Amino acid sequence: MKKLAAAHAVSVHFLVTITSYSYYSYSEPDPGHLLYGVVFLIISILMLVKPRFMLMFGRKWKYKNAEPSDFAIEVSKITGILGILVGIALIGSGFGLL
C-alpha cells in the first residue's frame, strides 16, 4: 500500500510540475533581452564583416605586425553567423515572441 501511495504522490507531483510549467512558459516582452539582442547582433555582424578587426580588437597592443591566421578568420565568421542567430532570438524574446 505504501508503494502505491508513493507512486501516486510522484505522479501527482509530476502533473503539478508539468501544469505549472505550461502556465509559466509564455513569454512576456523583456526590454533587457531586446537591448542585449541588439548589442549581440551588432557585434556579430562586425565579426562577420570585419573578422580581422574583431580578432585583433583589444589585443593589437600586445603584438607587433601580427595577423590572425586564415583558420581564425573563418572561425570568426562562423561565430558571427551563429551570433546573428542568437541576437535575432534575443530580440524576438525582447518583443515576447519566443
C-alpha atoms as a PDB file:
ATOM      1  CA  MET A   1       0.000   0.000   0.000  1.00  0.00           C
ATOM      2  CA  LYS A   2       2.904   2.359   0.772  1.00  0.00           C
ATOM      3  CA  LYS A   3       4.395   1.768  -2.691  1.00  0.00           C
ATOM      4  CA  LEU A   4       1.077   2.662  -4.298  1.00  0.00           C
ATOM      5  CA  ALA A   5       0.812   5.852  -2.241  1.00  0.00           C
ATOM      6  CA  ALA A   6       4.410   6.799  -3.132  1.00  0.00           C
ATOM      7  CA  ALA A   7       3.760   6.181  -6.828  1.00  0.00           C
ATOM      8  CA  HIS A   8       0.592   8.269  -6.631  1.00  0.00           C
ATOM      9  CA  ALA A   9       2.484  11.095  -4.905  1.00  0.00           C
ATOM     10  CA  VAL A  10       5.165  11.030  -7.599  1.00  0.00           C
ATOM     11  CA  SER A  11       2.601  11.108 -10.405  1.00  0.00           C
ATOM     12  CA  VAL A  12       0.709  13.983  -8.747  1.00  0.00           C
ATOM     13  CA  HIS A  13       3.979  15.880  -8.314  1.00  0.00           C
ATOM     14  CA  PHE A  14       4.779  15.251 -11.995  1.00  0.00           C
ATOM     15  CA  LEU A  15       1.379  16.556 -13.104  1.00  0.00           C
ATOM     16  CA  VAL A  16       1.669  19.645 -10.930  1.00  0.00           C
ATOM     17  CA  THR A  17       5.152  20.325 -12.330  1.00  0.00           C
ATOM     18  CA  ILE A  18       4.011  19.953 -15.939  1.00  0.00           C
ATOM     19  CA  THR A  19       0.928  22.096 -15.353  1.00  0.00           C
ATOM     20  CA  SER A  20       2.865  24.861 -13.638  1.00  0.00           C
ATOM     21  CA  TYR A  21       5.489  24.814 -16.384  1.00  0.00           C
ATOM     22  CA  SER A  22       2.893  25.257 -19.105  1.00  0.00           C
ATOM     23  CA  TYR A  23       1.281  28.053 -17.096  1.00  0.00           C
ATOM     24  CA  TYR A  24       4.550  29.975 -16.715  1.00  0.00           C
ATOM     25  CA  SER A  25       6.106  29.110 -20.067  1.00  0.00           C
ATOM     26  CA  TYR A  26       4.618  32.015 -22.006  1.00  0.00           C
ATOM     27  CA  SER A  27       6.973  34.865 -22.670  1.00  0.00           C
ATOM     28  CA  GLU A  28       6.477  38.482 -21.740  1.00  0.00           C
ATOM     29  CA  PRO A  29       8.275  41.281 -23.551  1.00  0.00           C
ATOM     30  CA  ASP A  30      11.602  41.963 -21.873  1.00  0.00           C
ATOM     31  CA  PRO A  31      13.430  45.185 -22.742  1.00  0.00           C
ATOM     32  CA  GLY A  32      16.672  43.779 -21.321  1.00  0.00           C
ATOM     33  CA  HIS A  33      16.653  40.952 -23.847  1.00  0.00           C
ATOM     34  CA  LEU A  34      15.940  43.462 -26.583  1.00  0.00           C
ATOM     35  CA  LEU A  35      18.953  45.559 -25.589  1.00  0.00           C
ATOM     36  CA  TYR A  36      21.256  42.535 -25.293  1.00  0.00           C
ATOM     37  CA  GLY A  37      19.968  41.231 -28.616  1.00  0.00           C
ATOM     38  CA  VAL A  38      20.767  44.472 -30.439  1.00  0.00           C
ATOM     39  CA  VAL A  39      24.261  44.644 -28.918  1.00  0.00           C
ATOM     40  CA  PHE A  40      24.855  40.959 -29.683  1.00  0.00           C
ATOM     41  CA  LEU A  41      23.636  41.468 -33.257  1.00  0.00           C
ATOM     42  CA  ILE A  42      25.933  44.459 -33.860  1.00  0.00           C
ATOM     43  CA  ILE A  43      28.994  42.621 -32.522  1.00  0.00           C
ATOM     44  CA  SER A  44      28.137  39.500 -34.538  1.00  0.00           C
ATOM     45  CA  ILE A  45      27.695  41.458 -37.761  1.00  0.00           C
ATOM     46  CA  LEU A  46      31.088  43.074 -37.168  1.00  0.00           C
ATOM     47  CA  MET A  47      32.579  39.603 -36.628  1.00  0.00           C
ATOM     48  CA  LEU A  48      31.152  38.512 -39.965  1.00  0.00           C
ATOM     49  CA  VAL A  49      32.054  41.639 -41.956  1.00  0.00           C
ATOM     50  CA  LYS A  50      35.368  42.648 -40.317  1.00  0.00           C
ATOM     51  CA  PRO A  51      36.835  39.455 -38.798  1.00  0.00           C
ATOM     52  CA  ARG A  52      40.446  40.722 -38.752  1.00  0.00           C
ATOM     53  CA  PHE A  53      39.473  43.861 -36.857  1.00  0.00           C
ATOM     54  CA  MET A  54      37.346  41.958 -34.340  1.00  0.00           C
ATOM     55  CA  LEU A  55      40.033  39.333 -33.735  1.00  0.00           C
ATOM     56  CA  MET A  56      42.657  41.953 -33.010  1.00  0.00           C
ATOM     57  CA  PHE A  57      40.306  44.319 -31.125  1.00  0.00           C
ATOM     58  CA  GLY A  58      41.745  44.853 -27.671  1.00  0.00           C
ATOM     59  CA  ARG A  59      44.826  42.725 -28.412  1.00  0.00           C
ATOM     60  CA  LYS A  60      46.674  44.707 -31.035  1.00  0.00           C
ATOM     61  CA  TRP A  61      48.805  46.494 -28.437  1.00  0.00           C
ATOM     62  CA  LYS A  62      50.311  43.143 -27.364  1.00  0.00           C
ATOM     63  CA  TYR A  63      51.753  42.245 -30.765  1.00  0.00           C
ATOM     64  CA  LYS A  64      53.866  43.907 -33.436  1.00  0.00           C
ATOM     65  CA  ASN A  65      52.743  43.360 -37.023  1.00  0.00           C
ATOM     66  CA  ALA A  66      50.628  40.364 -36.063  1.00  0.00           C
ATOM     67  CA  GLU A  67      47.958  38.973 -38.365  1.00  0.00           C
ATOM     68  CA  PRO A  68      45.369  36.337 -37.450  1.00  0.00           C
ATOM     69  CA  SER A  69      45.532  33.007 -39.249  1.00  0.00           C
ATOM     70  CA  ASP A  70      43.119  32.052 -42.010  1.00  0.00           C
ATOM     71  CA  PHE A  71      41.578  29.459 -39.702  1.00  0.00           C
ATOM     72  CA  ALA A  72      40.960  32.072 -37.003  1.00  0.00           C
ATOM     73  CA  ILE A  73      39.288  34.331 -39.555  1.00  0.00           C
ATOM     74  CA  GLU A  74      36.998  31.530 -40.750  1.00  0.00           C
ATOM     75  CA  VAL A  75      36.083  30.601 -37.167  1.00  0.00           C
ATOM     76  CA  SER A  76      35.316  34.264 -36.501  1.00  0.00           C
ATOM     77  CA  LYS A  77      32.956  34.348 -39.491  1.00  0.00           C
ATOM     78  CA  ILE A  78      31.175  31.169 -38.355  1.00  0.00           C
ATOM     79  CA  THR A  79      30.897  32.579 -34.841  1.00  0.00           C
ATOM     80  CA  GLY A  80      29.449  35.764 -36.344  1.00  0.00           C
ATOM     81  CA  ILE A  81      26.765  33.777 -38.171  1.00  0.00           C
ATOM     82  CA  LEU A  82      25.829  31.894 -35.002  1.00  0.00           C
ATOM     83  CA  GLY A  83      25.884  35.149 -33.062  1.00  0.00           C
ATOM     84  CA  ILE A  84      23.477  36.737 -35.530  1.00  0.00           C
ATOM     85  CA  LEU A  85      21.047  33.881 -34.924  1.00  0.00           C
ATOM     86  CA  VAL A  86      21.360  34.293 -31.154  1.00  0.00           C
ATOM     87  CA  GLY A  87      20.924  38.065 -31.486  1.00  0.00           C
ATOM     88  CA  ILE A  88      17.741  37.579 -33.514  1.00  0.00           C
ATOM     89  CA  ALA A  89      16.453  35.138 -30.894  1.00  0.00           C
ATOM     90  CA  LEU A  90      17.192  37.623 -28.109  1.00  0.00           C
ATOM     91  CA  ILE A  91      15.418  40.397 -29.981  1.00  0.00           C
ATOM     92  CA  GLY A  92      12.439  38.086 -30.508  1.00  0.00           C
ATOM     93  CA  SER A  93      12.478  37.328 -26.803  1.00  0.00           C
ATOM     94  CA  GLY A  94      12.631  41.043 -26.101  1.00  0.00           C
ATOM     95  CA  PHE A  95       9.384  41.506 -28.010  1.00  0.00           C
ATOM     96  CA  GLY A  96       7.836  38.475 -26.300  1.00  0.00           C
ATOM     97  CA  LEU A  97       7.791  36.305 -29.419  1.00  0.00           C
ATOM     98  CA  LEU A  98       9.899  33.445 -28.026  1.00  0.00           C
END
